Protein backbone atom coordinates (compact mmCIF):
# COMPACT_ATOMS: atom_id res chain seq x y z
CA MET A 1 2.10 21.97 -21.46
CA LEU A 2 -0.48 22.76 -24.09
CA TYR A 3 0.31 26.44 -23.49
CA TRP A 4 3.95 25.88 -24.43
CA ALA A 5 2.97 23.93 -27.54
CA LEU A 6 0.88 26.90 -28.66
CA VAL A 7 3.72 29.32 -27.85
CA PHE A 8 6.17 27.38 -30.00
CA LEU A 9 3.59 27.13 -32.77
CA ILE A 10 3.15 30.91 -32.77
CA ILE A 11 6.94 31.36 -32.78
CA ALA A 12 7.13 29.01 -35.77
CA ILE A 13 4.48 30.95 -37.66
CA ILE A 14 6.19 34.28 -36.99
CA ALA A 15 9.60 32.87 -37.95
CA ALA A 16 8.16 31.42 -41.16
CA VAL A 17 6.63 34.78 -42.11
CA PHE A 18 9.99 36.50 -41.70
CA GLY A 19 11.83 33.75 -43.58
CA PHE A 20 13.76 32.07 -40.78
CA ALA A 21 13.25 28.52 -42.04
CA GLY A 22 15.59 26.85 -39.53
CA VAL A 23 13.98 28.52 -36.52
CA ALA A 24 10.50 27.81 -37.84
CA THR A 25 11.29 24.13 -38.40
CA ALA A 26 12.75 23.74 -34.92
CA ALA A 27 9.81 25.53 -33.27
CA VAL A 28 7.28 23.40 -35.16
CA GLY A 29 9.12 20.25 -34.07
CA ILE A 30 9.06 21.32 -30.43
CA ALA A 31 5.38 22.31 -30.64
CA LYS A 32 4.44 18.95 -32.15
CA LEU A 33 6.41 17.04 -29.53
CA LEU A 34 4.83 18.95 -26.65
CA PHE A 35 1.35 18.50 -28.14
CA TYR A 36 1.80 14.74 -28.45
CA ILE A 37 3.11 14.49 -24.89
CA PHE A 38 0.10 16.50 -23.70
CA LEU A 39 -2.25 14.24 -25.67
CA VAL A 40 -0.76 11.05 -24.18
CA ILE A 41 -0.97 12.43 -20.63
CA PHE A 42 -4.57 13.51 -21.25
CA VAL A 43 -5.60 10.05 -22.49
CA ILE A 44 -3.87 8.31 -19.56
CA THR A 45 -5.56 10.66 -17.09
CA LEU A 46 -8.93 10.13 -18.75
CA ILE A 47 -8.61 6.33 -18.62
CA MET A 48 -7.47 6.37 -14.99
CA GLY A 49 -10.37 8.65 -14.06
CA LEU A 50 -12.86 6.31 -15.69
CA MET A 51 -11.34 3.27 -13.99
CA ARG A 52 -11.36 4.99 -10.60
CA ARG A 53 -15.04 5.83 -10.86
CA GLY A 54 -15.94 2.13 -10.55
CA GLY A 55 -19.16 2.11 -12.54
CA ALA A 56 -22.65 3.41 -11.89
CA PRO A 57 -24.00 3.63 -8.32
CA PRO A 58 -26.68 1.08 -7.31
CA VAL A 59 -30.30 2.17 -7.64
């Protein structure tokens, strides 16, 4: 998912350079949305991984 966010960001940059403001705006919006979704999934996975670990092993 992070890959697609970067792809849309690159499309937005290229479109902005060539002056396609509508395409650039849409691509930036999609890239931001995908990045935020990726970030939420990452945080949820991180929290679940820490909870699953169950603490330090006994010495």
